[in-house]
Amino acid sequence: MLTRDLVLPRLAGLVRPRSPQWTPEQLRNLVTRVADGHSGTLLDLVRFASPTRWWARLALTEEVELWLLSWLPGQRTEPHDHGGASGAFTVVLGELSETYRYPRGPVGHRVHAAGSAIGFGAGRAHQVWNTGLAKSATVHAYSPPLVPTREYASLHDIPDEIPPLPPRRSLAELSKEPVEP
């Protein structure tokens, strides 16, 4: 079941249950299809804010959550993992830089231009930022949903194994909250 966060009517056909979780490849395919099929609507929805980045959840099921994020020049995340969730993102507008690391692995760096997408497994930590001069927007997906992130001072500080974290809340708890008009 999708929650009230759904803002794109055709997402229901894309965000279908997968058991028990979506794979990084399935998540990458999801963000790509959402971005390709809804780019105009996404760009109409996106807002840019400072000093804090703007974001909106597009969909949430028991298996996956989908987000739209904006990035002004210079905005970034701290180095973080996704608490044992797999993830994916695609750049809808602009470009983003990413520095990443798997436990016991080297630190890598990529620049993601509009149209590029990446899926990653649960054991990955990264830092993402807009190093360019133009605004950027991205679509992100995570499975399992509602898992908090864990921040690090540096990507060199990630442990040899990234243990899973429990979800922040359950979908059932979220669905009991009043819906604002």
C-alpha atoms as a PDB file:
ATOM      1  CA  MET A   1       0.000   0.000   0.000  1.00  0.00           C
ATOM      2  CA  LEU A   2       1.258   3.483  -0.852  1.00  0.00           C
ATOM      3  CA  THR A   3       0.988   6.215   1.757  1.00  0.00           C
ATOM      4  CA  ARG A   4      -0.408   9.703   1.330  1.00  0.00           C
ATOM      5  CA  ASP A   5       3.068  10.849   0.227  1.00  0.00           C
ATOM      6  CA  LEU A   6       2.307   9.751  -3.323  1.00  0.00           C
ATOM      7  CA  VAL A   7       2.284  12.854  -5.510  1.00  0.00           C
ATOM      8  CA  LEU A   8       2.713  11.312  -8.954  1.00  0.00           C
ATOM      9  CA  PRO A   9      -0.364   9.285  -9.977  1.00  0.00           C
ATOM     10  CA  ARG A  10       1.489   6.794 -12.188  1.00  0.00           C
ATOM     11  CA  LEU A  11       3.927   5.765  -9.426  1.00  0.00           C
ATOM     12  CA  ALA A  12       1.542   3.088  -8.152  1.00  0.00           C
ATOM     13  CA  GLY A  13       2.428   0.922 -11.160  1.00  0.00           C
ATOM     14  CA  LEU A  14       6.169   1.333 -10.538  1.00  0.00           C
ATOM     15  CA  VAL A  15       6.315   1.034  -6.745  1.00  0.00           C
ATOM     16  CA  ARG A  16       5.047  -2.519  -6.404  1.00  0.00           C
ATOM     17  CA  PRO A  17       5.779  -4.915  -3.550  1.00  0.00           C
ATOM     18  CA  ARG A  18       8.969  -6.950  -3.852  1.00  0.00           C
ATOM     19  CA  SER A  19       9.786  -9.423  -1.154  1.00  0.00           C
ATOM     20  CA  PRO A  20      11.566  -8.992   1.107  1.00  0.00           C
ATOM     21  CA  GLN A  21      13.556  -6.025  -0.276  1.00  0.00           C
ATOM     22  CA  TRP A  22      14.429  -4.394  -3.565  1.00  0.00           C
ATOM     23  CA  THR A  23      17.896  -5.065  -4.969  1.00  0.00           C
ATOM     24  CA  PRO A  24      20.261  -2.200  -5.894  1.00  0.00           C
ATOM     25  CA  GLU A  25      19.569  -2.931  -9.585  1.00  0.00           C
ATOM     26  CA  GLN A  26      15.796  -2.824  -9.053  1.00  0.00           C
ATOM     27  CA  LEU A  27      16.160   0.463  -7.131  1.00  0.00           C
ATOM     28  CA  ARG A  28      18.325   1.948  -9.895  1.00  0.00           C
ATOM     29  CA  ASN A  29      15.719   0.903 -12.478  1.00  0.00           C
ATOM     30  CA  LEU A  30      12.979   2.474 -10.335  1.00  0.00           C
ATOM     31  CA  VAL A  31      14.658   5.882  -9.975  1.00  0.00           C
ATOM     32  CA  THR A  32      15.508   5.859 -13.681  1.00  0.00           C
ATOM     33  CA  ARG A  33      11.930   5.087 -14.702  1.00  0.00           C
ATOM     34  CA  VAL A  34      10.522   7.703 -12.317  1.00  0.00           C
ATOM     35  CA  ALA A  35      12.941  10.355 -13.576  1.00  0.00           C
ATOM     36  CA  ASP A  36      12.429   9.464 -17.249  1.00  0.00           C
ATOM     37  CA  GLY A  37       8.648   9.230 -16.997  1.00  0.00           C
ATOM     38  CA  HIS A  38       8.051  12.213 -14.728  1.00  0.00           C
ATOM     39  CA  SER A  39      10.899  14.680 -15.299  1.00  0.00           C
ATOM     40  CA  GLY A  40       8.607  17.607 -16.102  1.00  0.00           C
ATOM     41  CA  THR A  41       6.416  16.982 -13.062  1.00  0.00           C
ATOM     42  CA  LEU A  42       9.445  16.459 -10.822  1.00  0.00           C
ATOM     43  CA  LEU A  43      10.984  19.739 -11.952  1.00  0.00           C
ATOM     44  CA  ASP A  44       7.646  21.474 -11.267  1.00  0.00           C
ATOM     45  CA  LEU A  45       7.559  19.961  -7.755  1.00  0.00           C
ATOM     46  CA  VAL A  46      11.162  20.590  -6.737  1.00  0.00           C
ATOM     47  CA  ARG A  47      11.961  23.576  -4.513  1.00  0.00           C
ATOM     48  CA  PHE A  48      15.347  25.003  -3.657  1.00  0.00           C
ATOM     49  CA  ALA A  49      16.070  26.129  -0.102  1.00  0.00           C
ATOM     50  CA  SER A  50      19.004  27.449   1.865  1.00  0.00           C
ATOM     51  CA  PRO A  51      20.764  26.765   4.153  1.00  0.00           C
ATOM     52  CA  THR A  52      19.039  23.372   4.511  1.00  0.00           C
ATOM     53  CA  ARG A  53      18.425  21.227   1.465  1.00  0.00           C
ATOM     54  CA  TRP A  54      14.803  20.643   0.391  1.00  0.00           C
ATOM     55  CA  TRP A  55      13.284  17.166   0.011  1.00  0.00           C
ATOM     56  CA  ALA A  56       9.890  15.498  -0.400  1.00  0.00           C
ATOM     57  CA  ARG A  57       8.918  11.861  -0.120  1.00  0.00           C
ATOM     58  CA  LEU A  58       7.214  10.731  -3.326  1.00  0.00           C
ATOM     59  CA  ALA A  59       6.136   7.252  -2.194  1.00  0.00           C
ATOM     60  CA  LEU A  60       6.427   4.787   0.667  1.00  0.00           C
ATOM     61  CA  THR A  61       5.539   1.095   0.810  1.00  0.00           C
ATOM     62  CA  GLU A  62       6.531  -1.710   3.164  1.00  0.00           C
ATOM     63  CA  GLU A  63       9.487  -2.440   0.844  1.00  0.00           C
ATOM     64  CA  VAL A  64      10.700   0.884  -0.592  1.00  0.00           C
ATOM     65  CA  GLU A  65      10.669   4.656  -0.146  1.00  0.00           C
ATOM     66  CA  LEU A  66      11.166   7.199  -2.920  1.00  0.00           C
ATOM     67  CA  TRP A  67      12.393  10.800  -2.483  1.00  0.00           C
ATOM     68  CA  LEU A  68      12.919  13.965  -4.526  1.00  0.00           C
ATOM     69  CA  LEU A  69      15.817  16.139  -3.291  1.00  0.00           C
ATOM     70  CA  SER A  70      17.216  19.499  -4.351  1.00  0.00           C
ATOM     71  CA  TRP A  71      20.785  20.744  -4.153  1.00  0.00           C
ATOM     72  CA  LEU A  72      21.886  24.361  -4.446  1.00  0.00           C
ATOM     73  CA  PRO A  73      25.554  24.962  -5.312  1.00  0.00           C
ATOM     74  CA  GLY A  74      27.670  24.018  -2.291  1.00  0.00           C
ATOM     75  CA  GLN A  75      24.974  21.969  -0.507  1.00  0.00           C
ATOM     76  CA  ARG A  76      26.112  18.530   0.629  1.00  0.00           C
ATOM     77  CA  THR A  77      25.550  15.639   2.961  1.00  0.00           C
ATOM     78  CA  GLU A  78      27.896  14.575   5.707  1.00  0.00           C
ATOM     79  CA  PRO A  79      29.656  11.233   5.124  1.00  0.00           C
ATOM     80  CA  HIS A  80      26.988   8.642   5.962  1.00  0.00           C
ATOM     81  CA  ASP A  81      25.689   5.135   5.389  1.00  0.00           C
ATOM     82  CA  HIS A  82      22.064   4.121   5.032  1.00  0.00           C
ATOM     83  CA  GLY A  83      21.829   1.918   8.104  1.00  0.00           C
ATOM     84  CA  GLY A  84      21.768  -1.346   6.200  1.00  0.00           C
ATOM     85  CA  ALA A  85      19.387  -0.251   3.444  1.00  0.00           C
ATOM     86  CA  SER A  86      20.264  -0.558  -0.222  1.00  0.00           C
ATOM     87  CA  GLY A  87      19.751   2.554  -2.286  1.00  0.00           C
ATOM     88  CA  ALA A  88      19.846   4.280  -5.636  1.00  0.00           C
ATOM     89  CA  PHE A  89      19.715   7.760  -7.041  1.00  0.00           C
ATOM     90  CA  THR A  90      19.495   9.464 -10.381  1.00  0.00           C
ATOM     91  CA  VAL A  91      20.257  13.054 -11.270  1.00  0.00           C
ATOM     92  CA  VAL A  92      17.273  14.832 -12.812  1.00  0.00           C
ATOM     93  CA  LEU A  93      18.841  18.292 -13.088  1.00  0.00           C
ATOM     94  CA  GLY A  94      22.455  19.512 -12.936  1.00  0.00           C
ATOM     95  CA  GLU A  95      25.242  17.308 -11.609  1.00  0.00           C
ATOM     96  CA  LEU A  96      26.483  16.018  -8.264  1.00  0.00           C
ATOM     97  CA  SER A  97      29.812  14.803  -6.958  1.00  0.00           C
ATOM     98  CA  GLU A  98      29.966  11.681  -4.813  1.00  0.00           C
ATOM     99  CA  THR A  99      32.754  10.278  -2.690  1.00  0.00           C
ATOM    100  CA  TYR A 100      32.056   6.716  -1.504  1.00  0.00           C
ATOM    101  CA  ARG A 101      33.591   3.751   0.252  1.00  0.00           C
ATOM    102  CA  TYR A 102      32.731   0.162   1.064  1.00  0.00           C
ATOM    103  CA  PRO A 103      34.127  -1.240   4.339  1.00  0.00           C
ATOM    104  CA  ARG A 104      37.841  -2.118   4.014  1.00  0.00           C
ATOM    105  CA  GLY A 105      37.829  -0.658   0.503  1.00  0.00           C
ATOM    106  CA  PRO A 106      39.444   2.413  -1.016  1.00  0.00           C
ATOM    107  CA  VAL A 107      37.690   5.777  -1.218  1.00  0.00           C
ATOM    108  CA  GLY A 108      36.306   6.430  -4.698  1.00  0.00           C
ATOM    109  CA  HIS A 109      34.937   9.513  -6.411  1.00  0.00           C
ATOM    110  CA  ARG A 110      32.378  10.031  -9.198  1.00  0.00           C
ATOM    111  CA  VAL A 111      30.604  12.925 -10.845  1.00  0.00           C
ATOM    112  CA  HIS A 112      26.988  12.151 -11.731  1.00  0.00           C
ATOM    113  CA  ALA A 113      25.510  14.247 -14.574  1.00  0.00           C
ATOM    114  CA  ALA A 114      21.820  14.626 -15.387  1.00  0.00           C
ATOM    115  CA  GLY A 115      20.467  11.289 -16.591  1.00  0.00           C
ATOM    116  CA  SER A 116      23.004   9.127 -14.756  1.00  0.00           C
ATOM    117  CA  ALA A 117      21.819   6.643 -12.142  1.00  0.00           C
ATOM    118  CA  ILE A 118      23.520   4.417  -9.590  1.00  0.00           C
ATOM    119  CA  GLY A 119      22.343   1.583  -7.344  1.00  0.00           C
ATOM    120  CA  PHE A 120      24.319   0.532  -4.269  1.00  0.00           C
ATOM    121  CA  GLY A 121      24.257  -2.175  -1.644  1.00  0.00           C
ATOM    122  CA  ALA A 122      23.692  -1.934   2.080  1.00  0.00           C
ATOM    123  CA  GLY A 123      27.397  -1.880   2.951  1.00  0.00           C
ATOM    124  CA  ARG A 124      28.255   1.453   1.330  1.00  0.00           C
ATOM    125  CA  ALA A 125      28.951   4.860   2.846  1.00  0.00           C
ATOM    126  CA  HIS A 126      29.123   8.058   0.824  1.00  0.00           C
ATOM    127  CA  GLN A 127      29.064  11.827   0.763  1.00  0.00           C
ATOM    128  CA  VAL A 128      27.170  13.703  -1.940  1.00  0.00           C
ATOM    129  CA  TRP A 129      27.427  17.377  -2.836  1.00  0.00           C
ATOM    130  CA  ASN A 130      26.735  19.930  -5.518  1.00  0.00           C
ATOM    131  CA  THR A 131      30.188  21.172  -6.495  1.00  0.00           C
ATOM    132  CA  GLY A 132      28.893  22.963  -9.580  1.00  0.00           C
ATOM    133  CA  LEU A 133      27.497  26.444 -10.138  1.00  0.00           C
ATOM    134  CA  ALA A 134      23.970  25.322 -11.128  1.00  0.00           C
ATOM    135  CA  LYS A 135      21.043  23.891  -9.156  1.00  0.00           C
ATOM    136  CA  SER A 136      20.641  20.114  -9.043  1.00  0.00           C
ATOM    137  CA  ALA A 137      17.787  17.723  -8.311  1.00  0.00           C
ATOM    138  CA  THR A 138      17.806  13.985  -7.680  1.00  0.00           C
ATOM    139  CA  VAL A 139      15.406  11.072  -7.144  1.00  0.00           C
ATOM    140  CA  HIS A 140      16.448   8.553  -4.445  1.00  0.00           C
ATOM    141  CA  ALA A 141      15.054   5.142  -3.450  1.00  0.00           C
ATOM    142  CA  TYR A 142      15.857   2.992  -0.398  1.00  0.00           C
ATOM    143  CA  SER A 143      14.953  -0.560   0.611  1.00  0.00           C
ATOM    144  CA  PRO A 144      14.074  -1.408   3.298  1.00  0.00           C
ATOM    145  CA  PRO A 145      12.359   1.941   3.941  1.00  0.00           C
ATOM    146  CA  LEU A 146      12.465   4.212   6.987  1.00  0.00           C
ATOM    147  CA  VAL A 147      15.967   3.175   8.076  1.00  0.00           C
ATOM    148  CA  PRO A 148      17.980   6.055   9.588  1.00  0.00           C
ATOM    149  CA  THR A 149      21.380   7.095   8.288  1.00  0.00           C
ATOM    150  CA  ARG A 150      24.554   6.964  10.362  1.00  0.00           C
ATOM    151  CA  GLU A 151      27.006   9.867   9.930  1.00  0.00           C
ATOM    152  CA  TYR A 152      30.809   9.758  10.102  1.00  0.00           C
ATOM    153  CA  ALA A 153      33.471  12.418  10.505  1.00  0.00           C
ATOM    154  CA  SER A 154      35.196  10.972   7.435  1.00  0.00           C
ATOM    155  CA  LEU A 155      34.716   8.056   5.049  1.00  0.00           C
ATOM    156  CA  HIS A 156      37.936   6.671   6.533  1.00  0.00           C
ATOM    157  CA  ASP A 157      36.009   6.231   9.809  1.00  0.00           C
ATOM    158  CA  ILE A 158      33.487   3.665   8.559  1.00  0.00           C
ATOM    159  CA  PRO A 159      33.757   0.324  10.390  1.00  0.00           C
ATOM    160  CA  ASP A 160      34.871  -2.939   8.808  1.00  0.00           C
ATOM    161  CA  GLU A 161      31.202  -3.929   8.680  1.00  0.00           C
ATOM    162  CA  ILE A 162      28.156  -1.667   8.527  1.00  0.00           C
ATOM    163  CA  PRO A 163      25.489  -3.234  10.752  1.00  0.00           C
ATOM    164  CA  PRO A 164      21.805  -2.680   9.978  1.00  0.00           C
ATOM    165  CA  LEU A 165      19.791  -0.188  12.021  1.00  0.00           C
ATOM    166  CA  PRO A 166      16.117  -0.646  12.958  1.00  0.00           C
ATOM    167  CA  PRO A 167      13.542   1.452  11.086  1.00  0.00           C
ATOM    168  CA  ARG A 168      12.671   4.873  12.532  1.00  0.00           C
ATOM    169  CA  ARG A 169       8.967   4.022  12.428  1.00  0.00           C
ATOM    170  CA  SER A 170       6.739   1.471  10.804  1.00  0.00           C
ATOM    171  CA  LEU A 171       4.486   2.112   7.854  1.00  0.00           C
ATOM    172  CA  ALA A 172       1.513   1.292  10.114  1.00  0.00           C
ATOM    173  CA  GLU A 173       2.565   4.037  12.570  1.00  0.00           C
ATOM    174  CA  LEU A 174       2.982   6.522   9.741  1.00  0.00           C
ATOM    175  CA  SER A 175      -0.456   5.743   8.304  1.00  0.00           C
ATOM    176  CA  LYS A 176      -2.124   6.582  11.674  1.00  0.00           C
ATOM    177  CA  GLU A 177      -0.810  10.152  11.624  1.00  0.00           C
ATOM    178  CA  PRO A 178      -3.326  12.813  10.564  1.00  0.00           C
ATOM    179  CA  VAL A 179      -3.030  13.962   6.991  1.00  0.00           C
ATOM    180  CA  GLU A 180      -2.518  17.705   6.594  1.00  0.00           C
ATOM    181  CA  PRO A 181      -4.600  19.343   3.856  1.00  0.00           C
END
